[in-house]
Amino acid sequence: MAAKKKNFEAQLKRLQAIVESLETGELALEKSVALYKEGMTLSKECRTQLENARNEIRLFTEEGEVPFEEETAAATTAD
């Protein structure tokens, strides 16, 4: 894999392609094992990125950041 980290969407797209390939059942054993390993690595990386995003959102929420919906509702009721 390239030194530059792929973005989440690209990793997820590749993971979906791997799953589709494995589900066909038409691959040689060696190719299936290689794709399985790649898929597991991508799955772990995607999970880590999602967890990091959740933590970042949680951090903003804990620091008192108000979600957009609440700000919009408050502005609407003030009219």
PDB file of N, CA and C in Angstrom:
ATOM      1  N   MET A   1       0.842  -1.178   0.000  1.00  0.00           N
ATOM      2  CA  MET A   1       0.000   0.000   0.000  1.00  0.00           C
ATOM      3  C   MET A   1       0.882   1.233   0.000  1.00  0.00           C
ATOM      4  N   ALA A   2       0.408   2.290  -0.595  1.00  0.00           N
ATOM      5  CA  ALA A   2       1.176   3.530  -0.685  1.00  0.00           C
ATOM      6  C   ALA A   2       1.409   4.109   0.699  1.00  0.00           C
ATOM      7  N   ALA A   3       2.463   4.931   0.804  1.00  0.00           N
ATOM      8  CA  ALA A   3       2.789   5.542   2.082  1.00  0.00           C
ATOM      9  C   ALA A   3       1.682   6.482   2.534  1.00  0.00           C
ATOM     10  N   LYS A   4       1.036   7.147   1.592  1.00  0.00           N
ATOM     11  CA  LYS A   4      -0.061   8.051   1.926  1.00  0.00           C
ATOM     12  C   LYS A   4      -1.290   7.225   2.297  1.00  0.00           C
ATOM     13  N   LYS A   5      -1.882   7.554   3.432  1.00  0.00           N
ATOM     14  CA  LYS A   5      -3.046   6.824   3.897  1.00  0.00           C
ATOM     15  C   LYS A   5      -4.252   7.121   3.013  1.00  0.00           C
ATOM     16  N   LYS A   6      -4.950   6.080   2.609  1.00  0.00           N
ATOM     17  CA  LYS A   6      -6.154   6.264   1.809  1.00  0.00           C
ATOM     18  C   LYS A   6      -7.262   6.814   2.695  1.00  0.00           C
ATOM     19  N   ASN A   7      -8.163   7.557   2.080  1.00  0.00           N
ATOM     20  CA  ASN A   7      -9.267   8.074   2.865  1.00  0.00           C
ATOM     21  C   ASN A   7     -10.281   6.970   3.154  1.00  0.00           C
ATOM     22  N   PHE A   8     -11.163   7.236   4.087  1.00  0.00           N
ATOM     23  CA  PHE A   8     -12.122   6.248   4.548  1.00  0.00           C
ATOM     24  C   PHE A   8     -12.975   5.701   3.402  1.00  0.00           C
ATOM     25  N   GLU A   9     -13.483   6.589   2.569  1.00  0.00           N
ATOM     26  CA  GLU A   9     -14.362   6.167   1.485  1.00  0.00           C
ATOM     27  C   GLU A   9     -13.651   5.239   0.502  1.00  0.00           C
ATOM     28  N   ALA A  10     -12.404   5.544   0.186  1.00  0.00           N
ATOM     29  CA  ALA A  10     -11.634   4.688  -0.728  1.00  0.00           C
ATOM     30  C   ALA A  10     -11.386   3.321  -0.102  1.00  0.00           C
ATOM     31  N   GLN A  11     -11.074   3.310   1.191  1.00  0.00           N
ATOM     32  CA  GLN A  11     -10.846   2.037   1.875  1.00  0.00           C
ATOM     33  C   GLN A  11     -12.126   1.210   1.913  1.00  0.00           C
ATOM     34  N   LEU A  12     -13.235   1.856   2.201  1.00  0.00           N
ATOM     35  CA  LEU A  12     -14.506   1.148   2.266  1.00  0.00           C
ATOM     36  C   LEU A  12     -14.893   0.587   0.897  1.00  0.00           C
ATOM     37  N   LYS A  13     -14.662   1.362  -0.145  1.00  0.00           N
ATOM     38  CA  LYS A  13     -14.964   0.900  -1.507  1.00  0.00           C
ATOM     39  C   LYS A  13     -14.122  -0.331  -1.852  1.00  0.00           C
ATOM     40  N   ARG A  14     -12.841  -0.302  -1.505  1.00  0.00           N
ATOM     41  CA  ARG A  14     -11.962  -1.447  -1.764  1.00  0.00           C
ATOM     42  C   ARG A  14     -12.425  -2.658  -0.962  1.00  0.00           C
ATOM     43  N   LEU A  15     -12.806  -2.437   0.287  1.00  0.00           N
ATOM     44  CA  LEU A  15     -13.281  -3.528   1.135  1.00  0.00           C
ATOM     45  C   LEU A  15     -14.535  -4.169   0.541  1.00  0.00           C
ATOM     46  N   GLN A  16     -15.437  -3.359   0.039  1.00  0.00           N
ATOM     47  CA  GLN A  16     -16.646  -3.886  -0.602  1.00  0.00           C
ATOM     48  C   GLN A  16     -16.301  -4.710  -1.843  1.00  0.00           C
ATOM     49  N   ALA A  17     -15.332  -4.256  -2.615  1.00  0.00           N
ATOM     50  CA  ALA A  17     -14.908  -5.001  -3.804  1.00  0.00           C
ATOM     51  C   ALA A  17     -14.305  -6.347  -3.411  1.00  0.00           C
ATOM     52  N   ILE A  18     -13.542  -6.359  -2.328  1.00  0.00           N
ATOM     53  CA  ILE A  18     -12.943  -7.612  -1.844  1.00  0.00           C
ATOM     54  C   ILE A  18     -14.033  -8.587  -1.430  1.00  0.00           C
ATOM     55  N   VAL A  19     -15.014  -8.100  -0.680  1.00  0.00           N
ATOM     56  CA  VAL A  19     -16.112  -8.965  -0.237  1.00  0.00           C
ATOM     57  C   VAL A  19     -16.843  -9.556  -1.442  1.00  0.00           C
ATOM     58  N   GLU A  20     -17.126  -8.728  -2.428  1.00  0.00           N
ATOM     59  CA  GLU A  20     -17.808  -9.219  -3.634  1.00  0.00           C
ATOM     60  C   GLU A  20     -16.982 -10.295  -4.333  1.00  0.00           C
ATOM     61  N   SER A  21     -15.677 -10.086  -4.424  1.00  0.00           N
ATOM     62  CA  SER A  21     -14.805 -11.074  -5.073  1.00  0.00           C
ATOM     63  C   SER A  21     -14.793 -12.389  -4.307  1.00  0.00           C
ATOM     64  N   LEU A  22     -14.706 -12.297  -2.988  1.00  0.00           N
ATOM     65  CA  LEU A  22     -14.672 -13.509  -2.174  1.00  0.00           C
ATOM     66  C   LEU A  22     -16.000 -14.258  -2.222  1.00  0.00           C
ATOM     67  N   GLU A  23     -17.091 -13.522  -2.311  1.00  0.00           N
ATOM     68  CA  GLU A  23     -18.411 -14.158  -2.328  1.00  0.00           C
ATOM     69  C   GLU A  23     -18.685 -14.934  -3.609  1.00  0.00           C
ATOM     70  N   THR A  24     -17.950 -14.647  -4.677  1.00  0.00           N
ATOM     71  CA  THR A  24     -18.177 -15.384  -5.925  1.00  0.00           C
ATOM     72  C   THR A  24     -17.766 -16.843  -5.789  1.00  0.00           C
ATOM     73  N   GLY A  25     -16.772 -17.098  -4.945  1.00  0.00           N
ATOM     74  CA  GLY A  25     -16.293 -18.462  -4.775  1.00  0.00           C
ATOM     75  C   GLY A  25     -15.488 -18.974  -5.953  1.00  0.00           C
ATOM     76  N   GLU A  26     -15.114 -18.089  -6.858  1.00  0.00           N
ATOM     77  CA  GLU A  26     -14.414 -18.500  -8.075  1.00  0.00           C
ATOM     78  C   GLU A  26     -12.910 -18.254  -8.021  1.00  0.00           C
ATOM     79  N   LEU A  27     -12.406 -17.748  -6.920  1.00  0.00           N
ATOM     80  CA  LEU A  27     -10.982 -17.431  -6.814  1.00  0.00           C
ATOM     81  C   LEU A  27     -10.180 -18.632  -6.338  1.00  0.00           C
ATOM     82  N   ALA A  28      -8.925 -18.654  -6.728  1.00  0.00           N
ATOM     83  CA  ALA A  28      -8.015 -19.684  -6.230  1.00  0.00           C
ATOM     84  C   ALA A  28      -7.801 -19.467  -4.731  1.00  0.00           C
ATOM     85  N   LEU A  29      -7.445 -20.521  -4.048  1.00  0.00           N
ATOM     86  CA  LEU A  29      -7.254 -20.457  -2.601  1.00  0.00           C
ATOM     87  C   LEU A  29      -6.253 -19.379  -2.210  1.00  0.00           C
ATOM     88  N   GLU A  30      -5.122 -19.334  -2.901  1.00  0.00           N
ATOM     89  CA  GLU A  30      -4.078 -18.365  -2.561  1.00  0.00           C
ATOM     90  C   GLU A  30      -4.579 -16.931  -2.710  1.00  0.00           C
ATOM     91  N   LYS A  31      -5.316 -16.677  -3.788  1.00  0.00           N
ATOM     92  CA  LYS A  31      -5.870 -15.342  -4.031  1.00  0.00           C
ATOM     93  C   LYS A  31      -6.918 -15.010  -2.971  1.00  0.00           C
ATOM     94  N   SER A  32      -7.730 -15.982  -2.607  1.00  0.00           N
ATOM     95  CA  SER A  32      -8.747 -15.773  -1.575  1.00  0.00           C
ATOM     96  C   SER A  32      -8.116 -15.418  -0.238  1.00  0.00           C
ATOM     97  N   VAL A  33      -7.064 -16.120   0.122  1.00  0.00           N
ATOM     98  CA  VAL A  33      -6.379 -15.847   1.389  1.00  0.00           C
ATOM     99  C   VAL A  33      -5.759 -14.455   1.368  1.00  0.00           C
ATOM    100  N   ALA A  34      -5.135 -14.090   0.255  1.00  0.00           N
ATOM    101  CA  ALA A  34      -4.523 -12.763   0.143  1.00  0.00           C
ATOM    102  C   ALA A  34      -5.582 -11.664   0.252  1.00  0.00           C
ATOM    103  N   LEU A  35      -6.710 -11.854  -0.420  1.00  0.00           N
ATOM    104  CA  LEU A  35      -7.783 -10.863  -0.347  1.00  0.00           C
ATOM    105  C   LEU A  35      -8.383 -10.801   1.056  1.00  0.00           C
ATOM    106  N   TYR A  36      -8.509 -11.953   1.694  1.00  0.00           N
ATOM    107  CA  TYR A  36      -9.030 -11.991   3.062  1.00  0.00           C
ATOM    108  C   TYR A  36      -8.135 -11.178   3.999  1.00  0.00           C
ATOM    109  N   LYS A  37      -6.821 -11.382   3.880  1.00  0.00           N
ATOM    110  CA  LYS A  37      -5.873 -10.629   4.716  1.00  0.00           C
ATOM    111  C   LYS A  37      -5.992  -9.129   4.457  1.00  0.00           C
ATOM    112  N   GLU A  38      -6.048  -8.760   3.180  1.00  0.00           N
ATOM    113  CA  GLU A  38      -6.185  -7.345   2.832  1.00  0.00           C
ATOM    114  C   GLU A  38      -7.491  -6.780   3.392  1.00  0.00           C
ATOM    115  N   GLY A  39      -8.554  -7.556   3.267  1.00  0.00           N
ATOM    116  CA  GLY A  39      -9.851  -7.122   3.778  1.00  0.00           C
ATOM    117  C   GLY A  39      -9.852  -6.926   5.280  1.00  0.00           C
ATOM    118  N   MET A  40      -9.214  -7.824   5.999  1.00  0.00           N
ATOM    119  CA  MET A  40      -9.145  -7.697   7.456  1.00  0.00           C
ATOM    120  C   MET A  40      -8.351  -6.458   7.855  1.00  0.00           C
ATOM    121  N   THR A  41      -7.276  -6.181   7.130  1.00  0.00           N
ATOM    122  CA  THR A  41      -6.476  -4.981   7.400  1.00  0.00           C
ATOM    123  C   THR A  41      -7.298  -3.726   7.139  1.00  0.00           C
ATOM    124  N   LEU A  42      -7.990  -3.692   6.006  1.00  0.00           N
ATOM    125  CA  LEU A  42      -8.834  -2.543   5.681  1.00  0.00           C
ATOM    126  C   LEU A  42      -9.951  -2.369   6.702  1.00  0.00           C
ATOM    127  N   SER A  43     -10.538  -3.469   7.118  1.00  0.00           N
ATOM    128  CA  SER A  43     -11.606  -3.416   8.110  1.00  0.00           C
ATOM    129  C   SER A  43     -11.109  -2.789   9.412  1.00  0.00           C
ATOM    130  N   LYS A  44      -9.935  -3.190   9.831  1.00  0.00           N
ATOM    131  CA  LYS A  44      -9.355  -2.643  11.064  1.00  0.00           C
ATOM    132  C   LYS A  44      -9.075  -1.146  10.904  1.00  0.00           C
ATOM    133  N   GLU A  45      -8.529  -0.754   9.757  1.00  0.00           N
ATOM    134  CA  GLU A  45      -8.229   0.658   9.514  1.00  0.00           C
ATOM    135  C   GLU A  45      -9.505   1.493   9.479  1.00  0.00           C
ATOM    136  N   CYS A  46     -10.547   0.987   8.834  1.00  0.00           N
ATOM    137  CA  CYS A  46     -11.826   1.708   8.783  1.00  0.00           C
ATOM    138  C   CYS A  46     -12.424   1.840  10.181  1.00  0.00           C
ATOM    139  N   ARG A  47     -12.367   0.768  10.937  1.00  0.00           N
ATOM    140  CA  ARG A  47     -12.897   0.795  12.302  1.00  0.00           C
ATOM    141  C   ARG A  47     -12.155   1.832  13.143  1.00  0.00           C
ATOM    142  N   THR A  48     -10.839   1.901  12.990  1.00  0.00           N
ATOM    143  CA  THR A  48     -10.035   2.878  13.725  1.00  0.00           C
ATOM    144  C   THR A  48     -10.413   4.301  13.328  1.00  0.00           C
ATOM    145  N   GLN A  49     -10.579   4.531  12.034  1.00  0.00           N
ATOM    146  CA  GLN A  49     -10.963   5.868  11.570  1.00  0.00           C
ATOM    147  C   GLN A  49     -12.338   6.260  12.097  1.00  0.00           C
ATOM    148  N   LEU A  50     -13.282   5.323  12.115  1.00  0.00           N
ATOM    149  CA  LEU A  50     -14.611   5.611  12.651  1.00  0.00           C
ATOM    150  C   LEU A  50     -14.544   5.932  14.141  1.00  0.00           C
ATOM    151  N   GLU A  51     -13.770   5.168  14.867  1.00  0.00           N
ATOM    152  CA  GLU A  51     -13.626   5.409  16.307  1.00  0.00           C
ATOM    153  C   GLU A  51     -12.989   6.770  16.564  1.00  0.00           C
ATOM    154  N   ASN A  52     -11.996   7.136  15.766  1.00  0.00           N
ATOM    155  CA  ASN A  52     -11.371   8.458  15.908  1.00  0.00           C
ATOM    156  C   ASN A  52     -12.377   9.568  15.639  1.00  0.00           C
ATOM    157  N   ALA A  53     -13.214   9.385  14.629  1.00  0.00           N
ATOM    158  CA  ALA A  53     -14.240  10.387  14.319  1.00  0.00           C
ATOM    159  C   ALA A  53     -15.246  10.491  15.458  1.00  0.00           C
ATOM    160  N   ARG A  54     -15.664   9.359  16.006  1.00  0.00           N
ATOM    161  CA  ARG A  54     -16.589   9.369  17.151  1.00  0.00           C
ATOM    162  C   ARG A  54     -15.982  10.104  18.333  1.00  0.00           C
ATOM    163  N   ASN A  55     -14.721   9.825  18.609  1.00  0.00           N
ATOM    164  CA  ASN A  55     -14.053  10.482  19.733  1.00  0.00           C
ATOM    165  C   ASN A  55     -13.952  11.984  19.524  1.00  0.00           C
ATOM    166  N   GLU A  56     -13.676  12.395  18.298  1.00  0.00           N
ATOM    167  CA  GLU A  56     -13.583  13.823  17.996  1.00  0.00           C
ATOM    168  C   GLU A  56     -14.937  14.504  18.200  1.00  0.00           C
ATOM    169  N   ILE A  57     -15.998  13.863  17.731  1.00  0.00           N
ATOM    170  CA  ILE A  57     -17.345  14.415  17.920  1.00  0.00           C
ATOM    171  C   ILE A  57     -17.691  14.461  19.404  1.00  0.00           C
ATOM    172  N   ARG A  58     -17.367  13.403  20.118  1.00  0.00           N
ATOM    173  CA  ARG A  58     -17.631  13.349  21.556  1.00  0.00           C
ATOM    174  C   ARG A  58     -16.887  14.474  22.273  1.00  0.00           C
ATOM    175  N   LEU A  59     -15.657  14.736  21.869  1.00  0.00           N
ATOM    176  CA  LEU A  59     -14.860  15.798  22.481  1.00  0.00           C
ATOM    177  C   LEU A  59     -15.536  17.148  22.297  1.00  0.00           C
ATOM    178  N   PHE A  60     -16.009  17.449  21.095  1.00  0.00           N
ATOM    179  CA  PHE A  60     -16.698  18.715  20.848  1.00  0.00           C
ATOM    180  C   PHE A  60     -17.969  18.815  21.679  1.00  0.00           C
ATOM    181  N   THR A  61     -18.710  17.722  21.768  1.00  0.00           N
ATOM    182  CA  THR A  61     -19.955  17.718  22.524  1.00  0.00           C
ATOM    183  C   THR A  61     -19.689  17.943  24.006  1.00  0.00           C
ATOM    184  N   GLU A  62     -18.675  17.299  24.546  1.00  0.00           N
ATOM    185  CA  GLU A  62     -18.340  17.447  25.961  1.00  0.00           C
ATOM    186  C   GLU A  62     -17.839  18.847  26.293  1.00  0.00           C
ATOM    187  N   GLU A  63     -17.270  19.525  25.308  1.00  0.00           N
ATOM    188  CA  GLU A  63     -16.762  20.874  25.535  1.00  0.00           C
ATOM    189  C   GLU A  63     -17.858  21.927  25.421  1.00  0.00           C
ATOM    190  N   GLY A  64     -19.095  21.491  25.278  1.00  0.00           N
ATOM    191  CA  GLY A  64     -20.205  22.425  25.264  1.00  0.00           C
ATOM    192  C   GLY A  64     -20.623  22.917  23.905  1.00  0.00           C
ATOM    193  N   GLU A  65     -20.083  22.346  22.849  1.00  0.00           N
ATOM    194  CA  GLU A  65     -20.508  22.742  21.512  1.00  0.00           C
ATOM    195  C   GLU A  65     -21.968  22.339  21.332  1.00  0.00           C
ATOM    196  N   VAL A  66     -22.780  23.250  20.840  1.00  0.00           N
ATOM    197  CA  VAL A  66     -24.202  22.991  20.648  1.00  0.00           C
ATOM    198  C   VAL A  66     -24.429  22.469  19.232  1.00  0.00           C
ATOM    199  N   PRO A  67     -25.164  21.363  19.099  1.00  0.00           N
ATOM    200  CA  PRO A  67     -25.463  20.840  17.761  1.00  0.00           C
ATOM    201  C   PRO A  67     -26.251  21.855  16.939  1.00  0.00           C
ATOM    202  N   PHE A  68     -26.147  21.776  15.637  1.00  0.00           N
ATOM    203  CA  PHE A  68     -26.817  22.714  14.738  1.00  0.00           C
ATOM    204  C   PHE A  68     -28.326  22.741  14.938  1.00  0.00           C
ATOM    205  N   GLU A  69     -28.940  21.590  15.145  1.00  0.00           N
ATOM    206  CA  GLU A  69     -30.384  21.526  15.280  1.00  0.00           C
ATOM    207  C   GLU A  69     -30.871  22.379  16.441  1.00  0.00           C
ATOM    208  N   GLU A  70     -30.184  22.334  17.563  1.00  0.00           N
ATOM    209  CA  GLU A  70     -30.603  23.110  18.725  1.00  0.00           C
ATOM    210  C   GLU A  70     -30.459  24.602  18.469  1.00  0.00           C
ATOM    211  N   GLU A  71     -29.397  25.013  17.803  1.00  0.00           N
ATOM    212  CA  GLU A  71     -29.207  26.426  17.492  1.00  0.00           C
ATOM    213  C   GLU A  71     -30.311  26.910  16.565  1.00  0.00           C
ATOM    214  N   THR A  72     -30.654  26.112  15.568  1.00  0.00           N
ATOM    215  CA  THR A  72     -31.693  26.473  14.612  1.00  0.00           C
ATOM    216  C   THR A  72     -33.042  26.560  15.310  1.00  0.00           C
ATOM    217  N   ALA A  73     -33.339  25.618  16.181  1.00  0.00           N
ATOM    218  CA  ALA A  73     -34.604  25.619  16.903  1.00  0.00           C
ATOM    219  C   ALA A  73     -34.711  26.846  17.797  1.00  0.00           C
ATOM    220  N   ALA A  74     -33.642  27.221  18.461  1.00  0.00           N
ATOM    221  CA  ALA A  74     -33.645  28.395  19.333  1.00  0.00           C
ATOM    222  C   ALA A  74     -33.866  29.664  18.523  1.00  0.00           C
ATOM    223  N   ALA A  75     -33.268  29.773  17.373  1.00  0.00           N
ATOM    224  CA  ALA A  75     -33.424  30.951  16.519  1.00  0.00           C
ATOM    225  C   ALA A  75     -34.846  31.042  15.980  1.00  0.00           C
ATOM    226  N   THR A  76     -35.447  29.912  15.668  1.00  0.00           N
ATOM    227  CA  THR A  76     -36.804  29.885  15.133  1.00  0.00           C
ATOM    228  C   THR A  76     -37.820  30.301  16.190  1.00  0.00           C
ATOM    229  N   THR A  77     -37.651  29.840  17.418  1.00  0.00           N
ATOM    230  CA  THR A  77     -38.595  30.173  18.482  1.00  0.00           C
ATOM    231  C   THR A  77     -38.451  31.612  18.944  1.00  0.00           C
ATOM    232  N   ALA A  78     -37.328  32.243  18.691  1.00  0.00           N
ATOM    233  CA  ALA A  78     -37.107  33.631  19.092  1.00  0.00           C
ATOM    234  C   ALA A  78     -37.853  34.598  18.191  1.00  0.00           C
ATOM    235  N   ASP A  79     -38.236  34.157  16.994  1.00  0.00           N
ATOM    236  CA  ASP A  79     -38.933  35.039  16.038  1.00  0.00           C
ATOM    237  C   ASP A  79     -40.336  35.337  16.444  1.00  0.00           C
TER     238      ASP A  79
END
